[in-house]
């Protein structure tokens, strides 16, 4: 069993050149992933004509964030792929604004419903905006917390 990354190396983000290499390495694996019984292919995750596929989105982020040194508000999303016997059997996708969290946990049929540990239980570099505003500007939590909570509500 091996672990592959897209957009990170297990410690930190990587540039777009390394991300592209990671994508190619992962795509050499057989894709055993499925979603609600639908068999998925690497094209579902990496379609160069669709910038919103997971791998292309991460690649575009690395071009801006790392290569061009552009400051970005969100934390850098990445994927963790678990390989077993030459096949990708699990894909974990982490993203977030103030802290990264597991958004997608896509698995091979034999792993569906199993209680498996997450690659990352919590973001060690999470950002607490309420704490930052208090420490940096002396803004009281009673004022900033309701505002931060409101602007971070999921939109429908």
Protein backbone atom coordinates (compact mmCIF):
# COMPACT_ATOMS: atom_id res chain seq x y z
CA UNK A 1 0.00 0.00 0.00
CA UNK A 2 1.26 3.47 -0.90
CA UNK A 3 0.07 7.04 -0.47
CA UNK A 4 0.11 9.55 -3.33
CA UNK A 5 -0.55 13.28 -3.11
CA UNK A 6 -1.89 15.84 -5.54
CA UNK A 7 -0.80 19.40 -4.73
CA UNK A 8 1.20 18.62 -1.60
CA UNK A 9 4.00 16.35 -0.46
CA UNK A 10 2.59 15.36 2.91
CA UNK A 11 4.23 18.33 4.63
CA UNK A 12 3.59 21.37 2.44
CA UNK A 13 2.17 22.50 -0.89
CA UNK A 14 4.18 21.94 -4.04
CA UNK A 15 4.45 23.98 -7.24
CA UNK A 16 2.51 23.31 -10.44
CA UNK A 17 5.35 21.35 -12.06
CA UNK A 18 5.45 18.88 -9.15
CA UNK A 19 1.63 18.80 -9.04
CA UNK A 20 1.52 17.88 -12.75
CA UNK A 21 4.04 15.08 -12.10
CA UNK A 22 1.91 13.84 -9.20
CA UNK A 23 -1.20 13.80 -11.39
CA UNK A 24 0.60 11.75 -14.05
CA UNK A 25 1.91 9.30 -11.44
CA UNK A 26 -1.57 8.77 -9.98
CA UNK A 27 -3.12 8.32 -13.42
CA UNK A 28 -0.77 5.36 -14.01
CA UNK A 29 -2.72 3.54 -11.30
CA UNK A 30 -5.90 1.70 -12.11
CA UNK A 31 -8.89 3.74 -10.88
CA UNK A 32 -11.11 1.56 -8.65
CA UNK A 33 -13.06 4.49 -7.26
CA UNK A 34 -16.82 4.78 -7.45
CA UNK A 35 -19.58 7.11 -6.34
CA UNK A 36 -22.98 5.67 -5.41
CA UNK A 37 -22.25 2.60 -7.51
CA UNK A 38 -21.08 4.64 -10.51
CA UNK A 39 -17.62 3.60 -11.65
CA UNK A 40 -15.32 6.61 -11.96
CA UNK A 41 -12.37 7.19 -14.28
CA UNK A 42 -9.39 9.50 -13.97
CA UNK A 43 -11.12 11.78 -16.48
CA UNK A 44 -13.73 12.46 -13.78
CA UNK A 45 -10.96 13.89 -11.63
CA UNK A 46 -8.63 15.29 -14.29
CA UNK A 47 -10.16 16.69 -17.45
CA UNK A 48 -7.81 19.36 -18.90
CA UNK A 49 -10.76 20.87 -20.75
CA UNK A 50 -12.65 21.37 -17.47
CA UNK A 51 -10.74 23.48 -14.95
CA UNK A 52 -13.21 22.58 -12.20
CA UNK A 53 -12.25 18.89 -12.06
CA UNK A 54 -10.40 18.22 -8.80
CA UNK A 55 -6.90 17.72 -10.18
CA UNK A 56 -7.14 20.63 -12.63
CA UNK A 57 -8.48 22.89 -9.88
CA UNK A 58 -5.54 22.02 -7.65
CA UNK A 59 -3.10 22.46 -10.54
CA UNK A 60 -4.52 25.91 -11.33
CA UNK A 61 -4.33 26.87 -7.67
CA UNK A 62 -0.65 25.90 -7.52
CA UNK A 63 0.12 27.96 -10.62
CA UNK A 64 -1.36 31.02 -8.95
CA UNK A 65 -0.50 30.36 -5.30
CA UNK A 66 3.03 28.96 -5.61
CA UNK A 67 4.40 29.72 -9.07
CA UNK A 68 3.04 33.27 -9.27
CA UNK A 69 3.21 33.83 -5.49
CA UNK A 70 -0.37 35.12 -5.37
CA UNK A 71 -1.90 35.52 -1.92
CA UNK A 72 -5.12 33.52 -1.68
CA UNK A 73 -7.73 33.57 1.07
CA UNK A 74 -8.56 29.87 1.14
CA UNK A 75 -6.25 27.20 2.45
CA UNK A 76 -4.57 25.16 -0.33
CA UNK A 77 -6.74 22.17 -1.28
CA UNK A 78 -5.08 18.82 -1.96
CA UNK A 79 -5.83 15.13 -2.55
CA UNK A 80 -4.51 12.03 -0.85
CA UNK A 81 -4.80 8.83 -2.87
CA UNK A 82 -4.37 5.41 -1.30
CA UNK A 83 -3.00 2.72 -3.62
CA UNK A 84 -3.36 -1.02 -3.12
CA UNK A 85 -1.96 -3.58 -5.58
CA UNK A 86 -1.58 -1.01 -8.36
CA UNK A 87 -5.04 0.43 -7.97
CA UNK A 88 -6.34 3.64 -6.40
CA UNK A 89 -8.79 2.48 -3.72
CA UNK A 90 -9.39 5.74 -1.87
CA UNK A 91 -9.27 9.44 -2.70
CA UNK A 92 -9.52 12.01 0.07
CA UNK A 93 -10.00 15.64 -0.94
CA UNK A 94 -9.28 18.35 1.62
CA UNK A 95 -10.24 22.00 1.23
CA UNK A 96 -11.36 24.91 3.37
CA UNK A 97 -11.27 28.60 4.02
CA UNK A 98 -9.88 28.98 7.54
CA UNK A 99 -9.05 25.31 8.05
CA UNK A 100 -8.76 22.34 5.75
CA UNK A 101 -11.23 19.52 6.24
CA UNK A 102 -12.18 16.36 4.42
CA UNK A 103 -14.74 17.24 1.75
CA UNK A 104 -14.75 14.08 -0.40
CA UNK A 105 -13.86 10.55 0.66
CA UNK A 106 -14.26 8.51 -2.51
CA UNK A 107 -13.58 4.80 -2.24
CA UNK A 108 -13.46 1.51 -4.06
CA UNK A 109 -16.54 -0.65 -3.57
CA UNK A 110 -14.84 -2.94 -1.05
CA UNK A 111 -14.02 0.03 1.22
CA UNK A 112 -17.43 1.72 1.16
CA UNK A 113 -19.02 2.00 4.59
CA UNK A 114 -15.85 0.98 6.42
CA UNK A 115 -14.63 3.11 9.30
CA UNK A 116 -11.22 4.28 8.06
CA UNK A 117 -9.02 6.94 9.61
CA UNK A 118 -8.68 10.22 7.75
CA UNK A 119 -5.23 11.11 6.47
CA UNK A 120 -5.62 14.43 8.31
CA UNK A 121 -7.91 14.63 11.33
CA UNK A 122 -7.49 18.38 11.75
CA UNK A 123 -5.58 21.16 10.02
CA UNK A 124 -2.43 21.92 12.06
CA UNK A 125 -2.18 25.35 10.39
CA UNK A 126 -5.82 26.32 10.72
CA UNK A 127 -6.60 29.99 10.97
CA UNK A 128 -8.95 31.32 13.64
CA UNK A 129 -10.12 34.71 12.36
CA UNK A 130 -11.84 35.66 15.63
CA UNK A 131 -8.65 35.03 17.60
CA UNK A 132 -6.57 36.88 14.98
CA UNK A 133 -8.82 39.97 15.08
CA UNK A 134 -8.67 40.00 18.88
CA UNK A 135 -4.87 39.61 19.05
CA UNK A 136 -3.98 41.88 16.13
CA UNK A 137 -6.55 44.65 16.51
CA UNK A 138 -8.05 44.19 19.98
CA UNK A 139 -11.51 43.57 18.52
CA UNK A 140 -13.75 41.84 21.07
CA UNK A 141 -14.88 38.30 20.29
CA UNK A 142 -18.48 39.24 21.12
CA UNK A 143 -18.40 41.61 18.14
CA UNK A 144 -16.41 39.59 15.61
CA UNK A 145 -17.63 36.03 16.28
CA UNK A 146 -21.26 36.56 15.10
CA UNK A 147 -20.05 38.37 11.99
CA UNK A 148 -17.50 35.65 11.12
CA UNK A 149 -20.07 32.91 11.73
CA UNK A 150 -22.58 34.64 9.45
CA UNK A 151 -20.17 35.13 6.55
CA UNK A 152 -18.94 31.53 6.83
CA UNK A 153 -22.40 29.97 6.60
CA UNK A 154 -22.77 27.68 3.59
CA UNK A 155 -24.75 29.37 0.81
CA UNK A 156 -27.46 27.51 -1.04
